[in-house]
Amino acid sequence: METLDPFNFRADAGWSPTHDLVGYHVLATDGAVGKVIECNHATGESYLVLKTGALMFGHRVMVPAGTVSHIDHVEEKVYLDRTKAQVNAGPDFDPEAYTEPAYRSRLGEYYNDTYRAA
């Protein structure tokens, strides 16, 4: 069984350092889940921070880059290999700790547990 490399974009996802993903719409396997508000693409540390839900009532979540299955730069859309429920059930985004190893480890473990190799 294939394993997830959580904090690196997949080689076939369509990520390119020439494209900033901030502002791209994000789609889960079952529909729209949010919009990219922050993106880090450092090797071994890549992630997206999403604003989910309605503008006034949404919240922020962080997803590891390894969950990105495809990026459409023409349509400015990022496709995840998770459902909306899986994204929303992930660890709460913590703006004070999201760069800390313990937070990233917890996030990586959550997404490794929900990984389904295609």
C-alpha atoms as a PDB file:
ATOM      1  CA  MET A   1       0.000   0.000   0.000  1.00  0.00           C
ATOM      2  CA  GLU A   2       1.214   3.461  -0.890  1.00  0.00           C
ATOM      3  CA  THR A   3       1.911   5.849   1.983  1.00  0.00           C
ATOM      4  CA  LEU A   4       1.321   9.564   2.240  1.00  0.00           C
ATOM      5  CA  ASP A   5       4.236  12.006   2.284  1.00  0.00           C
ATOM      6  CA  PRO A   6       2.194  14.645   4.098  1.00  0.00           C
ATOM      7  CA  PHE A   7       4.336  17.755   3.763  1.00  0.00           C
ATOM      8  CA  ASN A   8       5.409  17.486   0.134  1.00  0.00           C
ATOM      9  CA  PHE A   9       3.321  18.022  -2.991  1.00  0.00           C
ATOM     10  CA  ARG A  10       2.908  14.855  -5.065  1.00  0.00           C
ATOM     11  CA  ALA A  11       5.064  14.767  -8.171  1.00  0.00           C
ATOM     12  CA  ASP A  12       1.960  14.432 -10.378  1.00  0.00           C
ATOM     13  CA  ALA A  13      -0.243  17.019  -8.610  1.00  0.00           C
ATOM     14  CA  GLY A  14       0.705  19.889 -10.893  1.00  0.00           C
ATOM     15  CA  TRP A  15       2.393  22.067  -8.300  1.00  0.00           C
ATOM     16  CA  SER A  16       4.799  24.612  -9.717  1.00  0.00           C
ATOM     17  CA  PRO A  17       6.919  27.191  -7.889  1.00  0.00           C
ATOM     18  CA  THR A  18       5.883  29.728 -10.524  1.00  0.00           C
ATOM     19  CA  HIS A  19       2.242  29.699  -9.343  1.00  0.00           C
ATOM     20  CA  ASP A  20       1.066  31.208  -6.073  1.00  0.00           C
ATOM     21  CA  LEU A  21      -1.906  29.160  -4.834  1.00  0.00           C
ATOM     22  CA  VAL A  22      -3.280  31.901  -2.555  1.00  0.00           C
ATOM     23  CA  GLY A  23      -6.797  32.688  -3.729  1.00  0.00           C
ATOM     24  CA  TYR A  24      -7.339  29.314  -5.422  1.00  0.00           C
ATOM     25  CA  HIS A  25     -10.619  27.543  -4.656  1.00  0.00           C
ATOM     26  CA  VAL A  26     -10.271  24.174  -2.937  1.00  0.00           C
ATOM     27  CA  LEU A  27     -12.417  21.168  -3.739  1.00  0.00           C
ATOM     28  CA  ALA A  28     -12.665  18.013  -1.672  1.00  0.00           C
ATOM     29  CA  THR A  29     -13.802  14.730  -3.211  1.00  0.00           C
ATOM     30  CA  ASP A  30     -17.413  15.724  -2.478  1.00  0.00           C
ATOM     31  CA  GLY A  31     -17.411  19.420  -3.364  1.00  0.00           C
ATOM     32  CA  ALA A  32     -16.075  22.861  -2.522  1.00  0.00           C
ATOM     33  CA  VAL A  33     -14.419  23.151   0.863  1.00  0.00           C
ATOM     34  CA  GLY A  34     -12.816  26.592   0.873  1.00  0.00           C
ATOM     35  CA  LYS A  35     -10.175  28.924  -0.464  1.00  0.00           C
ATOM     36  CA  VAL A  36      -6.392  29.019  -0.019  1.00  0.00           C
ATOM     37  CA  ILE A  37      -5.343  31.931   2.208  1.00  0.00           C
ATOM     38  CA  GLU A  38      -1.751  30.828   2.827  1.00  0.00           C
ATOM     39  CA  CYS A  39       0.618  28.412   1.130  1.00  0.00           C
ATOM     40  CA  ASN A  40       4.061  27.149   2.049  1.00  0.00           C
ATOM     41  CA  HIS A  41       5.966  25.087  -0.501  1.00  0.00           C
ATOM     42  CA  ALA A  42       9.267  24.476   1.289  1.00  0.00           C
ATOM     43  CA  THR A  43      10.477  20.907   0.766  1.00  0.00           C
ATOM     44  CA  GLY A  44       9.273  18.732   3.626  1.00  0.00           C
ATOM     45  CA  GLU A  45       7.168  21.575   5.058  1.00  0.00           C
ATOM     46  CA  SER A  46       4.550  22.266   2.379  1.00  0.00           C
ATOM     47  CA  TYR A  47       0.974  22.996   3.424  1.00  0.00           C
ATOM     48  CA  LEU A  48      -2.115  25.043   2.622  1.00  0.00           C
ATOM     49  CA  VAL A  49      -4.168  27.098   5.058  1.00  0.00           C
ATOM     50  CA  LEU A  50      -7.792  27.238   3.957  1.00  0.00           C
ATOM     51  CA  LYS A  51     -10.678  29.493   4.847  1.00  0.00           C
ATOM     52  CA  THR A  52     -13.689  27.185   4.891  1.00  0.00           C
ATOM     53  CA  GLY A  53     -17.414  27.803   5.040  1.00  0.00           C
ATOM     54  CA  ALA A  54     -19.279  31.077   4.719  1.00  0.00           C
ATOM     55  CA  LEU A  55     -17.277  34.306   4.725  1.00  0.00           C
ATOM     56  CA  MET A  56     -18.519  35.446   8.151  1.00  0.00           C
ATOM     57  CA  PHE A  57     -18.855  32.043   9.824  1.00  0.00           C
ATOM     58  CA  GLY A  58     -16.067  30.011   8.269  1.00  0.00           C
ATOM     59  CA  HIS A  59     -12.960  28.883  10.013  1.00  0.00           C
ATOM     60  CA  ARG A  60      -9.366  28.160   9.054  1.00  0.00           C
ATOM     61  CA  VAL A  61      -7.857  24.723   8.609  1.00  0.00           C
ATOM     62  CA  MET A  62      -4.405  23.596   7.574  1.00  0.00           C
ATOM     63  CA  VAL A  63      -3.950  20.702   5.172  1.00  0.00           C
ATOM     64  CA  PRO A  64      -0.630  19.109   4.279  1.00  0.00           C
ATOM     65  CA  ALA A  65       0.418  19.448   0.647  1.00  0.00           C
ATOM     66  CA  GLY A  66       0.407  15.663   0.285  1.00  0.00           C
ATOM     67  CA  THR A  67      -3.397  15.705   0.322  1.00  0.00           C
ATOM     68  CA  VAL A  68      -3.438  17.694  -2.942  1.00  0.00           C
ATOM     69  CA  SER A  69      -4.285  15.332  -5.778  1.00  0.00           C
ATOM     70  CA  HIS A  70      -4.416  17.899  -8.604  1.00  0.00           C
ATOM     71  CA  ILE A  71      -3.969  21.610  -9.226  1.00  0.00           C
ATOM     72  CA  ASP A  72      -5.719  23.343 -12.115  1.00  0.00           C
ATOM     73  CA  HIS A  73      -3.861  26.618 -12.686  1.00  0.00           C
ATOM     74  CA  VAL A  74      -6.182  27.741 -15.486  1.00  0.00           C
ATOM     75  CA  GLU A  75      -9.315  27.443 -13.315  1.00  0.00           C
ATOM     76  CA  GLU A  76      -7.344  28.298 -10.116  1.00  0.00           C
ATOM     77  CA  LYS A  77      -8.587  25.208  -8.288  1.00  0.00           C
ATOM     78  CA  VAL A  78      -6.882  22.818  -5.911  1.00  0.00           C
ATOM     79  CA  TYR A  79      -8.306  19.312  -5.566  1.00  0.00           C
ATOM     80  CA  LEU A  80      -7.838  17.298  -2.377  1.00  0.00           C
ATOM     81  CA  ASP A  81      -8.129  13.555  -1.935  1.00  0.00           C
ATOM     82  CA  ARG A  82     -10.247  14.026   1.205  1.00  0.00           C
ATOM     83  CA  THR A  83     -13.925  14.676   1.846  1.00  0.00           C
ATOM     84  CA  LYS A  84     -15.216  17.947   3.250  1.00  0.00           C
ATOM     85  CA  ALA A  85     -15.962  16.166   6.532  1.00  0.00           C
ATOM     86  CA  GLN A  86     -12.395  14.855   6.770  1.00  0.00           C
ATOM     87  CA  VAL A  87     -10.941  18.314   6.159  1.00  0.00           C
ATOM     88  CA  ASN A  88     -13.272  19.966   8.668  1.00  0.00           C
ATOM     89  CA  ALA A  89     -12.651  17.251  11.287  1.00  0.00           C
ATOM     90  CA  GLY A  90      -8.892  17.757  11.177  1.00  0.00           C
ATOM     91  CA  PRO A  91      -6.955  19.387  13.996  1.00  0.00           C
ATOM     92  CA  ASP A  92      -7.984  22.989  14.575  1.00  0.00           C
ATOM     93  CA  PHE A  93      -5.713  25.544  12.924  1.00  0.00           C
ATOM     94  CA  ASP A  94      -3.540  27.129  15.600  1.00  0.00           C
ATOM     95  CA  PRO A  95      -1.955  30.374  14.373  1.00  0.00           C
ATOM     96  CA  GLU A  96       0.447  30.329  17.321  1.00  0.00           C
ATOM     97  CA  ALA A  97       1.706  26.761  16.846  1.00  0.00           C
ATOM     98  CA  TYR A  98       1.235  25.744  13.216  1.00  0.00           C
ATOM     99  CA  THR A  99       4.949  25.984  12.463  1.00  0.00           C
ATOM    100  CA  GLU A 100       5.895  23.902  15.517  1.00  0.00           C
ATOM    101  CA  PRO A 101       6.985  20.255  15.026  1.00  0.00           C
ATOM    102  CA  ALA A 102       4.426  18.868  17.530  1.00  0.00           C
ATOM    103  CA  TYR A 103       1.496  20.531  15.732  1.00  0.00           C
ATOM    104  CA  ARG A 104       2.743  19.422  12.328  1.00  0.00           C
ATOM    105  CA  SER A 105       3.256  15.882  13.636  1.00  0.00           C
ATOM    106  CA  ARG A 106      -0.343  15.760  14.915  1.00  0.00           C
ATOM    107  CA  LEU A 107      -1.619  17.099  11.600  1.00  0.00           C
ATOM    108  CA  GLY A 108       0.476  14.613   9.626  1.00  0.00           C
ATOM    109  CA  GLU A 109      -0.770  11.717  11.786  1.00  0.00           C
ATOM    110  CA  TYR A 110      -4.407  12.731  11.267  1.00  0.00           C
ATOM    111  CA  TYR A 111      -4.036  12.891   7.491  1.00  0.00           C
ATOM    112  CA  ASN A 112      -1.960   9.678   7.363  1.00  0.00           C
ATOM    113  CA  ASP A 113      -4.822   7.934   9.197  1.00  0.00           C
ATOM    114  CA  THR A 114      -7.358   9.153   6.621  1.00  0.00           C
ATOM    115  CA  TYR A 115      -5.180   8.429   3.575  1.00  0.00           C
ATOM    116  CA  ARG A 116      -6.577   6.234   0.841  1.00  0.00           C
ATOM    117  CA  ALA A 117      -4.130   5.469  -1.912  1.00  0.00           C
ATOM    118  CA  ALA A 118      -5.698   5.892  -5.319  1.00  0.00           C
END
